[in-house]
């Protein structure tokens, strides 16, 4: 899975692929199954006050959540979208599907170890 994701990313972000290859995936990321039948993404031990877990995508329906988010973008009037955080990536995929090849999606994810963990498990 990781190699397939890196191959796709290499077309536009060779430097990011280099960083991901060198990174060690975070060990505190969990990928529980969701009602949508795809893995969720949870950072264990993170949350308000430093306890609990931080959910990076809907625990129940992340694909539906991503479609709702992407549906808020009017692709006939939007040439680019900037996204803060990759999470499980479902929102990025939904935006890409919606925009087709009519625009650019820029995603800022500062946590390379988290991104590697996600790209190892989620297509």
PDB file of N, CA and C in Angstrom:
ATOM      1  N   UNK A   1       0.828  -1.192   0.000  1.00  0.00           N
ATOM      2  CA  UNK A   1       0.000   0.000   0.000  1.00  0.00           C
ATOM      3  C   UNK A   1       0.877   1.262   0.000  1.00  0.00           C
ATOM      4  N   UNK A   2       1.906   1.271   0.858  1.00  0.00           N
ATOM      5  CA  UNK A   2       2.768   2.449   0.942  1.00  0.00           C
ATOM      6  C   UNK A   2       3.412   2.745  -0.409  1.00  0.00           C
ATOM      7  N   UNK A   3       3.951   1.735  -1.051  1.00  0.00           N
ATOM      8  CA  UNK A   3       4.643   1.962  -2.330  1.00  0.00           C
ATOM      9  C   UNK A   3       3.703   2.517  -3.387  1.00  0.00           C
ATOM     10  N   UNK A   4       2.496   2.017  -3.427  1.00  0.00           N
ATOM     11  CA  UNK A   4       1.510   2.514  -4.396  1.00  0.00           C
ATOM     12  C   UNK A   4       1.191   3.984  -4.115  1.00  0.00           C
ATOM     13  N   UNK A   5       1.016   4.335  -2.843  1.00  0.00           N
ATOM     14  CA  UNK A   5       0.740   5.725  -2.481  1.00  0.00           C
ATOM     15  C   UNK A   5       1.927   6.635  -2.787  1.00  0.00           C
ATOM     16  N   UNK A   6       3.134   6.161  -2.504  1.00  0.00           N
ATOM     17  CA  UNK A   6       4.321   6.971  -2.787  1.00  0.00           C
ATOM     18  C   UNK A   6       4.505   7.178  -4.285  1.00  0.00           C
ATOM     19  N   UNK A   7       4.205   6.156  -5.066  1.00  0.00           N
ATOM     20  CA  UNK A   7       4.308   6.276  -6.523  1.00  0.00           C
ATOM     21  C   UNK A   7       3.353   7.366  -7.030  1.00  0.00           C
ATOM     22  N   UNK A   8       2.138   7.378  -6.516  1.00  0.00           N
ATOM     23  CA  UNK A   8       1.173   8.404  -6.921  1.00  0.00           C
ATOM     24  C   UNK A   8       1.636   9.791  -6.479  1.00  0.00           C
ATOM     25  N   UNK A   9       2.173   9.888  -5.286  1.00  0.00           N
ATOM     26  CA  UNK A   9       2.630  11.171  -4.744  1.00  0.00           C
ATOM     27  C   UNK A   9       3.882  11.678  -5.464  1.00  0.00           C
ATOM     28  N   UNK A  10       4.697  10.785  -5.968  1.00  0.00           N
ATOM     29  CA  UNK A  10       5.964  11.162  -6.607  1.00  0.00           C
ATOM     30  C   UNK A  10       5.764  12.026  -7.843  1.00  0.00           C
ATOM     31  N   UNK A  11       4.615  11.917  -8.476  1.00  0.00           N
ATOM     32  CA  UNK A  11       4.369  12.708  -9.692  1.00  0.00           C
ATOM     33  C   UNK A  11       4.403  14.202  -9.431  1.00  0.00           C
ATOM     34  N   UNK A  12       4.004  14.606  -8.229  1.00  0.00           N
ATOM     35  CA  UNK A  12       3.941  16.043  -7.936  1.00  0.00           C
ATOM     36  C   UNK A  12       4.756  16.454  -6.717  1.00  0.00           C
ATOM     37  N   UNK A  13       5.188  15.490  -5.897  1.00  0.00           N
ATOM     38  CA  UNK A  13       5.859  15.831  -4.641  1.00  0.00           C
ATOM     39  C   UNK A  13       7.024  14.893  -4.344  1.00  0.00           C
ATOM     40  N   UNK A  14       8.023  14.910  -5.201  1.00  0.00           N
ATOM     41  CA  UNK A  14       9.168  14.012  -5.039  1.00  0.00           C
ATOM     42  C   UNK A  14       9.882  14.224  -3.705  1.00  0.00           C
ATOM     43  N   UNK A  15       9.995  15.457  -3.278  1.00  0.00           N
ATOM     44  CA  UNK A  15      10.672  15.744  -2.003  1.00  0.00           C
ATOM     45  C   UNK A  15       9.903  15.132  -0.830  1.00  0.00           C
ATOM     46  N   UNK A  16       8.591  15.215  -0.881  1.00  0.00           N
ATOM     47  CA  UNK A  16       7.766  14.624   0.179  1.00  0.00           C
ATOM     48  C   UNK A  16       7.955  13.114   0.220  1.00  0.00           C
ATOM     49  N   UNK A  17       8.032  12.489  -0.936  1.00  0.00           N
ATOM     50  CA  UNK A  17       8.270  11.036  -0.995  1.00  0.00           C
ATOM     51  C   UNK A  17       9.595  10.696  -0.339  1.00  0.00           C
ATOM     52  N   UNK A  18      10.605  11.504  -0.597  1.00  0.00           N
ATOM     53  CA  UNK A  18      11.924  11.304   0.019  1.00  0.00           C
ATOM     54  C   UNK A  18      11.819  11.361   1.549  1.00  0.00           C
ATOM     55  N   UNK A  19      11.115  12.352   2.056  1.00  0.00           N
ATOM     56  CA  UNK A  19      10.937  12.493   3.501  1.00  0.00           C
ATOM     57  C   UNK A  19      10.156  11.312   4.084  1.00  0.00           C
ATOM     58  N   UNK A  20       9.121  10.872   3.370  1.00  0.00           N
ATOM     59  CA  UNK A  20       8.310   9.755   3.845  1.00  0.00           C
ATOM     60  C   UNK A  20       9.098   8.449   3.883  1.00  0.00           C
ATOM     61  N   UNK A  21       9.957   8.237   2.912  1.00  0.00           N
ATOM     62  CA  UNK A  21      10.782   7.013   2.891  1.00  0.00           C
ATOM     63  C   UNK A  21      11.725   6.959   4.095  1.00  0.00           C
ATOM     64  N   UNK A  22      12.200   8.098   4.534  1.00  0.00           N
ATOM     65  CA  UNK A  22      13.124   8.167   5.671  1.00  0.00           C
ATOM     66  C   UNK A  22      12.407   8.130   7.022  1.00  0.00           C
ATOM     67  N   UNK A  23      11.125   8.452   7.024  1.00  0.00           N
ATOM     68  CA  UNK A  23      10.370   8.574   8.275  1.00  0.00           C
ATOM     69  C   UNK A  23      10.017   7.217   8.872  1.00  0.00           C
ATOM     70  N   UNK A  24       9.930   7.195  10.185  1.00  0.00           N
ATOM     71  CA  UNK A  24       9.412   6.041  10.911  1.00  0.00           C
ATOM     72  C   UNK A  24       7.945   6.334  11.201  1.00  0.00           C
ATOM     73  N   UNK A  25       7.042   5.414  10.861  1.00  0.00           N
ATOM     74  CA  UNK A  25       5.625   5.701  11.109  1.00  0.00           C
ATOM     75  C   UNK A  25       5.329   5.833  12.601  1.00  0.00           C
ATOM     76  N   UNK A  26       4.427   6.720  12.934  1.00  0.00           N
ATOM     77  CA  UNK A  26       4.024   6.886  14.337  1.00  0.00           C
ATOM     78  C   UNK A  26       3.448   5.580  14.852  1.00  0.00           C
ATOM     79  N   UNK A  27       3.774   5.267  16.085  1.00  0.00           N
ATOM     80  CA  UNK A  27       3.279   4.044  16.695  1.00  0.00           C
ATOM     81  C   UNK A  27       1.991   4.226  17.470  1.00  0.00           C
ATOM     82  N   UNK A  28       1.525   5.466  17.589  1.00  0.00           N
ATOM     83  CA  UNK A  28       0.326   5.718  18.389  1.00  0.00           C
ATOM     84  C   UNK A  28      -0.916   5.965  17.536  1.00  0.00           C
ATOM     85  N   UNK A  29      -0.888   5.513  16.288  1.00  0.00           N
ATOM     86  CA  UNK A  29      -2.027   5.684  15.393  1.00  0.00           C
ATOM     87  C   UNK A  29      -2.797   4.372  15.310  1.00  0.00           C
ATOM     88  N   UNK A  30      -4.108   4.471  15.486  1.00  0.00           N
ATOM     89  CA  UNK A  30      -4.967   3.290  15.382  1.00  0.00           C
ATOM     90  C   UNK A  30      -5.888   3.468  14.175  1.00  0.00           C
ATOM     91  N   UNK A  31      -6.260   2.348  13.565  1.00  0.00           N
ATOM     92  CA  UNK A  31      -7.097   2.365  12.368  1.00  0.00           C
ATOM     93  C   UNK A  31      -8.315   1.454  12.561  1.00  0.00           C
ATOM     94  N   UNK A  32      -9.273   1.901  13.390  1.00  0.00           N
ATOM     95  CA  UNK A  32     -10.457   1.069  13.624  1.00  0.00           C
ATOM     96  C   UNK A  32     -11.369   1.018  12.397  1.00  0.00           C
ATOM     97  N   UNK A  33     -12.071  -0.079  12.205  1.00  0.00           N
ATOM     98  CA  UNK A  33     -13.038  -0.193  11.113  1.00  0.00           C
ATOM     99  C   UNK A  33     -14.217   0.730  11.388  1.00  0.00           C
ATOM    100  N   UNK A  34     -14.791   1.270  10.332  1.00  0.00           N
ATOM    101  CA  UNK A  34     -15.921   2.186  10.446  1.00  0.00           C
ATOM    102  C   UNK A  34     -17.148   1.581   9.777  1.00  0.00           C
ATOM    103  N   UNK A  35     -18.284   2.217   9.962  1.00  0.00           N
ATOM    104  CA  UNK A  35     -19.519   1.767   9.315  1.00  0.00           C
ATOM    105  C   UNK A  35     -19.423   1.844   7.795  1.00  0.00           C
ATOM    106  N   UNK A  36     -18.555   2.708   7.279  1.00  0.00           N
ATOM    107  CA  UNK A  36     -18.340   2.816   5.836  1.00  0.00           C
ATOM    108  C   UNK A  36     -17.511   1.653   5.290  1.00  0.00           C
ATOM    109  N   UNK A  37     -16.948   0.831   6.190  1.00  0.00           N
ATOM    110  CA  UNK A  37     -16.140  -0.313   5.759  1.00  0.00           C
ATOM    111  C   UNK A  37     -14.695   0.033   5.454  1.00  0.00           C
ATOM    112  N   UNK A  38     -14.274   1.226   5.831  1.00  0.00           N
ATOM    113  CA  UNK A  38     -12.886   1.659   5.623  1.00  0.00           C
ATOM    114  C   UNK A  38     -12.268   1.948   6.989  1.00  0.00           C
ATOM    115  N   UNK A  39     -10.943   1.974   7.061  1.00  0.00           N
ATOM    116  CA  UNK A  39     -10.314   2.285   8.348  1.00  0.00           C
ATOM    117  C   UNK A  39     -10.540   3.736   8.761  1.00  0.00           C
ATOM    118  N   UNK A  40     -10.754   3.933  10.045  1.00  0.00           N
ATOM    119  CA  UNK A  40     -10.752   5.275  10.605  1.00  0.00           C
ATOM    120  C   UNK A  40      -9.313   5.644  10.923  1.00  0.00           C
ATOM    121  N   UNK A  41      -9.122   6.723  11.630  1.00  0.00           N
ATOM    122  CA  UNK A  41      -7.773   7.142  12.001  1.00  0.00           C
ATOM    123  C   UNK A  41      -7.847   7.869  13.335  1.00  0.00           C
ATOM    124  N   UNK A  42      -7.203   7.298  14.352  1.00  0.00           N
ATOM    125  CA  UNK A  42      -7.265   7.840  15.702  1.00  0.00           C
ATOM    126  C   UNK A  42      -5.853   7.910  16.273  1.00  0.00           C
ATOM    127  N   UNK A  43      -5.513   9.067  16.845  1.00  0.00           N
ATOM    128  CA  UNK A  43      -4.259   9.198  17.575  1.00  0.00           C
ATOM    129  C   UNK A  43      -4.548   8.828  19.015  1.00  0.00           C
ATOM    130  N   UNK A  44      -3.980   7.753  19.477  1.00  0.00           N
ATOM    131  CA  UNK A  44      -4.204   7.291  20.851  1.00  0.00           C
ATOM    132  C   UNK A  44      -3.487   8.218  21.817  1.00  0.00           C
ATOM    133  N   UNK A  45      -4.088   8.429  22.964  1.00  0.00           N
ATOM    134  CA  UNK A  45      -3.442   9.226  24.000  1.00  0.00           C
ATOM    135  C   UNK A  45      -3.392  10.706  23.720  1.00  0.00           C
ATOM    136  N   UNK A  46      -4.085  11.152  22.694  1.00  0.00           N
ATOM    137  CA  UNK A  46      -4.126  12.577  22.383  1.00  0.00           C
ATOM    138  C   UNK A  46      -5.531  13.087  22.596  1.00  0.00           C
ATOM    139  N   UNK A  47      -5.646  14.301  22.938  1.00  0.00           N
ATOM    140  CA  UNK A  47      -6.956  14.913  23.111  1.00  0.00           C
ATOM    141  C   UNK A  47      -6.829  16.132  23.993  1.00  0.00           C
ATOM    142  N   UNK A  48      -7.930  16.714  24.359  1.00  0.00           N
ATOM    143  CA  UNK A  48      -7.862  17.907  25.192  1.00  0.00           C
ATOM    144  C   UNK A  48      -7.263  17.560  26.548  1.00  0.00           C
ATOM    145  N   UNK A  49      -6.323  18.334  26.977  1.00  0.00           N
ATOM    146  CA  UNK A  49      -5.666  18.093  28.256  1.00  0.00           C
ATOM    147  C   UNK A  49      -4.634  16.972  28.208  1.00  0.00           C
ATOM    148  N   UNK A  50      -4.318  16.465  27.006  1.00  0.00           N
ATOM    149  CA  UNK A  50      -3.293  15.432  26.875  1.00  0.00           C
ATOM    150  C   UNK A  50      -3.778  14.023  27.178  1.00  0.00           C
ATOM    151  N   UNK A  51      -5.074  13.839  27.373  1.00  0.00           N
ATOM    152  CA  UNK A  51      -5.589  12.501  27.635  1.00  0.00           C
ATOM    153  C   UNK A  51      -6.614  12.131  26.581  1.00  0.00           C
ATOM    154  N   UNK A  52      -6.943  10.874  26.527  1.00  0.00           N
ATOM    155  CA  UNK A  52      -7.935  10.427  25.558  1.00  0.00           C
ATOM    156  C   UNK A  52      -7.333  10.263  24.189  1.00  0.00           C
ATOM    157  N   UNK A  53      -8.182  10.203  23.178  1.00  0.00           N
ATOM    158  CA  UNK A  53      -7.734  10.005  21.808  1.00  0.00           C
ATOM    159  C   UNK A  53      -8.229  11.157  20.941  1.00  0.00           C
ATOM    160  N   UNK A  54      -7.519  11.401  19.849  1.00  0.00           N
ATOM    161  CA  UNK A  54      -7.921  12.444  18.902  1.00  0.00           C
ATOM    162  C   UNK A  54      -8.291  11.775  17.588  1.00  0.00           C
ATOM    163  N   UNK A  55      -9.514  11.946  17.184  1.00  0.00           N
ATOM    164  CA  UNK A  55     -10.012  11.328  15.957  1.00  0.00           C
ATOM    165  C   UNK A  55      -9.694  12.223  14.766  1.00  0.00           C
ATOM    166  N   UNK A  56      -9.093  11.634  13.724  1.00  0.00           N
ATOM    167  CA  UNK A  56      -8.704  12.402  12.540  1.00  0.00           C
ATOM    168  C   UNK A  56      -9.670  12.223  11.376  1.00  0.00           C
ATOM    169  N   UNK A  57     -10.682  11.419  11.571  1.00  0.00           N
ATOM    170  CA  UNK A  57     -11.760  11.233  10.597  1.00  0.00           C
ATOM    171  C   UNK A  57     -12.940  10.669  11.382  1.00  0.00           C
ATOM    172  N   UNK A  58     -14.113  10.774  10.823  1.00  0.00           N
ATOM    173  CA  UNK A  58     -15.291  10.259  11.505  1.00  0.00           C
ATOM    174  C   UNK A  58     -15.082   8.806  11.918  1.00  0.00           C
ATOM    175  N   UNK A  59     -15.462   8.486  13.147  1.00  0.00           N
ATOM    176  CA  UNK A  59     -15.348   7.105  13.633  1.00  0.00           C
ATOM    177  C   UNK A  59     -16.415   6.209  13.014  1.00  0.00           C
ATOM    178  N   UNK A  60     -17.462   6.802  12.455  1.00  0.00           N
ATOM    179  CA  UNK A  60     -18.551   5.992  11.915  1.00  0.00           C
ATOM    180  C   UNK A  60     -18.601   6.030  10.393  1.00  0.00           C
ATOM    181  N   UNK A  61     -18.620   7.210   9.821  1.00  0.00           N
ATOM    182  CA  UNK A  61     -18.807   7.330   8.373  1.00  0.00           C
ATOM    183  C   UNK A  61     -17.834   8.353   7.764  1.00  0.00           C
ATOM    184  N   UNK A  62     -16.549   8.022   7.702  1.00  0.00           N
ATOM    185  CA  UNK A  62     -15.581   8.997   7.184  1.00  0.00           C
ATOM    186  C   UNK A  62     -15.761   9.319   5.709  1.00  0.00           C
ATOM    187  N   UNK A  63     -16.251   8.370   4.905  1.00  0.00           N
ATOM    188  CA  UNK A  63     -16.460   8.656   3.484  1.00  0.00           C
ATOM    189  C   UNK A  63     -17.621   9.630   3.294  1.00  0.00           C
ATOM    190  N   UNK A  64     -18.678   9.451   4.050  1.00  0.00           N
ATOM    191  CA  UNK A  64     -19.815  10.370   3.983  1.00  0.00           C
ATOM    192  C   UNK A  64     -19.403  11.758   4.467  1.00  0.00           C
ATOM    193  N   UNK A  65     -18.624  11.799   5.550  1.00  0.00           N
ATOM    194  CA  UNK A  65     -18.127  13.074   6.073  1.00  0.00           C
ATOM    195  C   UNK A  65     -17.276  13.780   5.019  1.00  0.00           C
ATOM    196  N   UNK A  66     -16.420  13.039   4.344  1.00  0.00           N
ATOM    197  CA  UNK A  66     -15.553  13.617   3.314  1.00  0.00           C
ATOM    198  C   UNK A  66     -16.368  14.155   2.142  1.00  0.00           C
ATOM    199  N   UNK A  67     -17.415  13.434   1.748  1.00  0.00           N
ATOM    200  CA  UNK A  67     -18.267  13.898   0.654  1.00  0.00           C
ATOM    201  C   UNK A  67     -18.977  15.195   1.016  1.00  0.00           C
ATOM    202  N   UNK A  68     -19.441  15.305   2.257  1.00  0.00           N
ATOM    203  CA  UNK A  68     -20.106  16.534   2.713  1.00  0.00           C
ATOM    204  C   UNK A  68     -19.113  17.699   2.667  1.00  0.00           C
ATOM    205  N   UNK A  69     -17.907  17.473   3.162  1.00  0.00           N
ATOM    206  CA  UNK A  69     -16.887  18.516   3.160  1.00  0.00           C
ATOM    207  C   UNK A  69     -16.552  18.955   1.730  1.00  0.00           C
ATOM    208  N   UNK A  70     -16.306  17.984   0.857  1.00  0.00           N
ATOM    209  CA  UNK A  70     -15.959  18.300  -0.536  1.00  0.00           C
ATOM    210  C   UNK A  70     -17.123  18.987  -1.250  1.00  0.00           C
ATOM    211  N   UNK A  71     -18.344  18.642  -0.876  1.00  0.00           N
ATOM    212  CA  UNK A  71     -19.521  19.237  -1.499  1.00  0.00           C
ATOM    213  C   UNK A  71     -19.678  20.717  -1.220  1.00  0.00           C
ATOM    214  N   UNK A  72     -18.945  21.220  -0.243  1.00  0.00           N
ATOM    215  CA  UNK A  72     -19.009  22.646   0.080  1.00  0.00           C
ATOM    216  C   UNK A  72     -18.182  23.501  -0.876  1.00  0.00           C
ATOM    217  N   UNK A  73     -17.377  22.855  -1.709  1.00  0.00           N
ATOM    218  CA  UNK A  73     -16.518  23.573  -2.654  1.00  0.00           C
ATOM    219  C   UNK A  73     -17.219  23.661  -4.011  1.00  0.00           C
ATOM    220  N   UNK A  74     -17.391  24.865  -4.514  1.00  0.00           N
ATOM    221  CA  UNK A  74     -17.965  25.066  -5.842  1.00  0.00           C
ATOM    222  C   UNK A  74     -16.817  24.974  -6.846  1.00  0.00           C
ATOM    223  N   UNK A  75     -16.680  23.820  -7.467  1.00  0.00           N
ATOM    224  CA  UNK A  75     -15.537  23.592  -8.351  1.00  0.00           C
ATOM    225  C   UNK A  75     -15.616  24.404  -9.644  1.00  0.00           C
ATOM    226  N   UNK A  76     -16.777  24.967  -9.954  1.00  0.00           N
ATOM    227  CA  UNK A  76     -16.870  25.813 -11.145  1.00  0.00           C
ATOM    228  C   UNK A  76     -16.279  27.193 -10.899  1.00  0.00           C
ATOM    229  N   UNK A  77     -16.066  27.545  -9.615  1.00  0.00           N
ATOM    230  CA  UNK A  77     -15.530  28.862  -9.271  1.00  0.00           C
ATOM    231  C   UNK A  77     -14.222  28.780  -8.492  1.00  0.00           C
ATOM    232  N   UNK A  78     -13.718  27.564  -8.265  1.00  0.00           N
ATOM    233  CA  UNK A  78     -12.549  27.383  -7.409  1.00  0.00           C
ATOM    234  C   UNK A  78     -11.424  26.699  -8.185  1.00  0.00           C
ATOM    235  N   UNK A  79     -10.295  27.384  -8.277  1.00  0.00           N
ATOM    236  CA  UNK A  79      -9.156  26.819  -8.989  1.00  0.00           C
ATOM    237  C   UNK A  79      -8.212  26.059  -8.071  1.00  0.00           C
ATOM    238  N   UNK A  80      -8.258  26.398  -6.779  1.00  0.00           N
ATOM    239  CA  UNK A  80      -7.375  25.706  -5.839  1.00  0.00           C
ATOM    240  C   UNK A  80      -8.025  25.644  -4.460  1.00  0.00           C
ATOM    241  N   UNK A  81      -7.643  24.612  -3.727  1.00  0.00           N
ATOM    242  CA  UNK A  81      -8.124  24.415  -2.366  1.00  0.00           C
ATOM    243  C   UNK A  81      -6.912  24.124  -1.491  1.00  0.00           C
ATOM    244  N   UNK A  82      -6.801  24.810  -0.367  1.00  0.00           N
ATOM    245  CA  UNK A  82      -5.737  24.552   0.599  1.00  0.00           C
ATOM    246  C   UNK A  82      -6.354  23.831   1.790  1.00  0.00           C
ATOM    247  N   UNK A  83      -5.739  22.717   2.175  1.00  0.00           N
ATOM    248  CA  UNK A  83      -6.247  21.883   3.261  1.00  0.00           C
ATOM    249  C   UNK A  83      -5.193  21.804   4.352  1.00  0.00           C
ATOM    250  N   UNK A  84      -5.608  22.046   5.574  1.00  0.00           N
ATOM    251  CA  UNK A  84      -4.703  21.932   6.710  1.00  0.00           C
ATOM    252  C   UNK A  84      -4.922  20.564   7.345  1.00  0.00           C
ATOM    253  N   UNK A  85      -3.969  19.673   7.165  1.00  0.00           N
ATOM    254  CA  UNK A  85      -4.025  18.337   7.751  1.00  0.00           C
ATOM    255  C   UNK A  85      -4.515  17.291   6.777  1.00  0.00           C
ATOM    256  N   UNK A  86      -3.811  16.171   6.733  1.00  0.00           N
ATOM    257  CA  UNK A  86      -4.174  15.071   5.850  1.00  0.00           C
ATOM    258  C   UNK A  86      -5.154  14.115   6.513  1.00  0.00           C
ATOM    259  N   UNK A  87      -5.051  13.948   7.837  1.00  0.00           N
ATOM    260  CA  UNK A  87      -5.935  13.013   8.531  1.00  0.00           C
ATOM    261  C   UNK A  87      -5.849  11.633   7.907  1.00  0.00           C
ATOM    262  N   UNK A  88      -6.987  11.036   7.619  1.00  0.00           N
ATOM    263  CA  UNK A  88      -7.027   9.733   6.957  1.00  0.00           C
ATOM    264  C   UNK A  88      -7.002   9.892   5.442  1.00  0.00           C
ATOM    265  N   UNK A  89      -7.124  11.117   4.951  1.00  0.00           N
ATOM    266  CA  UNK A  89      -7.027  11.393   3.520  1.00  0.00           C
ATOM    267  C   UNK A  89      -8.331  11.283   2.746  1.00  0.00           C
ATOM    268  N   UNK A  90      -9.408  10.891   3.411  1.00  0.00           N
ATOM    269  CA  UNK A  90     -10.671  10.722   2.698  1.00  0.00           C
ATOM    270  C   UNK A  90     -11.191  12.038   2.135  1.00  0.00           C
ATOM    271  N   UNK A  91     -10.984  13.131   2.868  1.00  0.00           N
ATOM    272  CA  UNK A  91     -11.419  14.437   2.367  1.00  0.00           C
ATOM    273  C   UNK A  91     -10.605  14.851   1.141  1.00  0.00           C
ATOM    274  N   UNK A  92      -9.327  14.503   1.125  1.00  0.00           N
ATOM    275  CA  UNK A  92      -8.483  14.817  -0.028  1.00  0.00           C
ATOM    276  C   UNK A  92      -8.945  14.039  -1.257  1.00  0.00           C
ATOM    277  N   UNK A  93      -9.273  12.767  -1.059  1.00  0.00           N
ATOM    278  CA  UNK A  93      -9.761  11.943  -2.172  1.00  0.00           C
ATOM    279  C   UNK A  93     -11.094  12.466  -2.693  1.00  0.00           C
ATOM    280  N   UNK A  94     -11.986  12.848  -1.793  1.00  0.00           N
ATOM    281  CA  UNK A  94     -13.292  13.373  -2.212  1.00  0.00           C
ATOM    282  C   UNK A  94     -13.129  14.691  -2.967  1.00  0.00           C
ATOM    283  N   UNK A  95     -12.220  15.546  -2.504  1.00  0.00           N
ATOM    284  CA  UNK A  95     -11.954  16.800  -3.213  1.00  0.00           C
ATOM    285  C   UNK A  95     -11.377  16.526  -4.597  1.00  0.00           C
ATOM    286  N   UNK A  96     -10.437  15.598  -4.673  1.00  0.00           N
ATOM    287  CA  UNK A  96      -9.834  15.247  -5.960  1.00  0.00           C
ATOM    288  C   UNK A  96     -10.862  14.712  -6.947  1.00  0.00           C
ATOM    289  N   UNK A  97     -11.737  13.864  -6.464  1.00  0.00           N
ATOM    290  CA  UNK A  97     -12.789  13.304  -7.316  1.00  0.00           C
ATOM    291  C   UNK A  97     -13.718  14.409  -7.809  1.00  0.00           C
ATOM    292  N   UNK A  98     -14.046  15.321  -6.916  1.00  0.00           N
ATOM    293  CA  UNK A  98     -14.963  16.407  -7.264  1.00  0.00           C
ATOM    294  C   UNK A  98     -14.318  17.408  -8.227  1.00  0.00           C
ATOM    295  N   UNK A  99     -13.039  17.725  -7.996  1.00  0.00           N
ATOM    296  CA  UNK A  99     -12.361  18.726  -8.829  1.00  0.00           C
ATOM    297  C   UNK A  99     -11.867  18.151 -10.153  1.00  0.00           C
ATOM    298  N   UNK A 100     -11.724  16.841 -10.205  1.00  0.00           N
ATOM    299  CA  UNK A 100     -11.173  16.160 -11.382  1.00  0.00           C
ATOM    300  C   UNK A 100      -9.818  16.781 -11.683  1.00  0.00           C
ATOM    301  N   UNK A 101      -9.621  17.237 -12.871  1.00  0.00           N
ATOM    302  CA  UNK A 101      -8.347  17.869 -13.225  1.00  0.00           C
ATOM    303  C   UNK A 101      -8.528  19.368 -13.468  1.00  0.00           C
ATOM    304  N   UNK A 102      -9.523  19.943 -12.823  1.00  0.00           N
ATOM    305  CA  UNK A 102      -9.837  21.349 -13.058  1.00  0.00           C
ATOM    306  C   UNK A 102      -9.217  22.294 -12.033  1.00  0.00           C
ATOM    307  N   UNK A 103      -8.435  21.767 -11.094  1.00  0.00           N
ATOM    308  CA  UNK A 103      -7.857  22.628 -10.080  1.00  0.00           C
ATOM    309  C   UNK A 103      -6.718  21.952  -9.344  1.00  0.00           C
ATOM    310  N   UNK A 104      -6.230  22.629  -8.334  1.00  0.00           N
ATOM    311  CA  UNK A 104      -5.096  22.157  -7.548  1.00  0.00           C
ATOM    312  C   UNK A 104      -5.521  22.032  -6.091  1.00  0.00           C
ATOM    313  N   UNK A 105      -5.103  20.942  -5.464  1.00  0.00           N
ATOM    314  CA  UNK A 105      -5.347  20.753  -4.034  1.00  0.00           C
ATOM    315  C   UNK A 105      -3.991  20.768  -3.343  1.00  0.00           C
ATOM    316  N   UNK A 106      -3.834  21.666  -2.390  1.00  0.00           N
ATOM    317  CA  UNK A 106      -2.589  21.774  -1.621  1.00  0.00           C
ATOM    318  C   UNK A 106      -2.899  21.328  -0.201  1.00  0.00           C
ATOM    319  N   UNK A 107      -2.176  20.321   0.268  1.00  0.00           N
ATOM    320  CA  UNK A 107      -2.414  19.796   1.609  1.00  0.00           C
ATOM    321  C   UNK A 107      -1.169  20.022   2.456  1.00  0.00           C
ATOM    322  N   UNK A 108      -1.354  20.677   3.597  1.00  0.00           N
ATOM    323  CA  UNK A 108      -0.265  20.896   4.536  1.00  0.00           C
ATOM    324  C   UNK A 108      -0.418  19.908   5.686  1.00  0.00           C
ATOM    325  N   UNK A 109       0.507  18.955   5.763  1.00  0.00           N
ATOM    326  CA  UNK A 109       0.541  18.002   6.882  1.00  0.00           C
ATOM    327  C   UNK A 109       1.956  18.027   7.438  1.00  0.00           C
ATOM    328  N   UNK A 110       2.162  18.689   8.575  1.00  0.00           N
ATOM    329  CA  UNK A 110       3.509  18.821   9.128  1.00  0.00           C
ATOM    330  C   UNK A 110       4.042  17.553   9.791  1.00  0.00           C
ATOM    331  N   UNK A 111       3.189  16.611  10.117  1.00  0.00           N
ATOM    332  CA  UNK A 111       3.593  15.402  10.836  1.00  0.00           C
ATOM    333  C   UNK A 111       3.904  14.282   9.834  1.00  0.00           C
ATOM    334  N   UNK A 112       5.145  14.209   9.392  1.00  0.00           N
ATOM    335  CA  UNK A 112       5.561  13.237   8.375  1.00  0.00           C
ATOM    336  C   UNK A 112       5.375  11.809   8.877  1.00  0.00           C
ATOM    337  N   UNK A 113       5.622  11.577  10.163  1.00  0.00           N
ATOM    338  CA  UNK A 113       5.469  10.231  10.726  1.00  0.00           C
ATOM    339  C   UNK A 113       4.006   9.795  10.710  1.00  0.00           C
ATOM    340  N   UNK A 114       3.103  10.718  10.978  1.00  0.00           N
ATOM    341  CA  UNK A 114       1.676  10.416  10.903  1.00  0.00           C
ATOM    342  C   UNK A 114       1.276  10.130   9.461  1.00  0.00           C
ATOM    343  N   UNK A 115       1.730  10.965   8.544  1.00  0.00           N
ATOM    344  CA  UNK A 115       1.405  10.776   7.129  1.00  0.00           C
ATOM    345  C   UNK A 115       1.898   9.416   6.646  1.00  0.00           C
ATOM    346  N   UNK A 116       3.093   9.034   7.050  1.00  0.00           N
ATOM    347  CA  UNK A 116       3.605   7.710   6.641  1.00  0.00           C
ATOM    348  C   UNK A 116       2.725   6.597   7.201  1.00  0.00           C
ATOM    349  N   UNK A 117       2.352   6.686   8.462  1.00  0.00           N
ATOM    350  CA  UNK A 117       1.496   5.654   9.064  1.00  0.00           C
ATOM    351  C   UNK A 117       0.184   5.527   8.297  1.00  0.00           C
ATOM    352  N   UNK A 118      -0.397   6.656   7.922  1.00  0.00           N
ATOM    353  CA  UNK A 118      -1.662   6.631   7.173  1.00  0.00           C
ATOM    354  C   UNK A 118      -1.454   6.024   5.784  1.00  0.00           C
ATOM    355  N   UNK A 119      -0.409   6.461   5.082  1.00  0.00           N
ATOM    356  CA  UNK A 119      -0.181   5.962   3.726  1.00  0.00           C
ATOM    357  C   UNK A 119       0.208   4.483   3.699  1.00  0.00           C
ATOM    358  N   UNK A 120       0.640   3.947   4.814  1.00  0.00           N
ATOM    359  CA  UNK A 120       0.912   2.508   4.895  1.00  0.00           C
ATOM    360  C   UNK A 120      -0.366   1.693   4.990  1.00  0.00           C
ATOM    361  N   UNK A 121      -1.452   2.319   5.454  1.00  0.00           N
ATOM    362  CA  UNK A 121      -2.682   1.572   5.743  1.00  0.00           C
ATOM    363  C   UNK A 121      -3.882   1.954   4.892  1.00  0.00           C
ATOM    364  N   UNK A 122      -3.897   3.191   4.369  1.00  0.00           N
ATOM    365  CA  UNK A 122      -5.074   3.686   3.656  1.00  0.00           C
ATOM    366  C   UNK A 122      -4.681   4.101   2.241  1.00  0.00           C
ATOM    367  N   UNK A 123      -5.426   3.622   1.254  1.00  0.00           N
ATOM    368  CA  UNK A 123      -5.142   3.929  -0.147  1.00  0.00           C
ATOM    369  C   UNK A 123      -5.751   5.257  -0.508  1.00  0.00           C
TER     370      UNK A 123
END
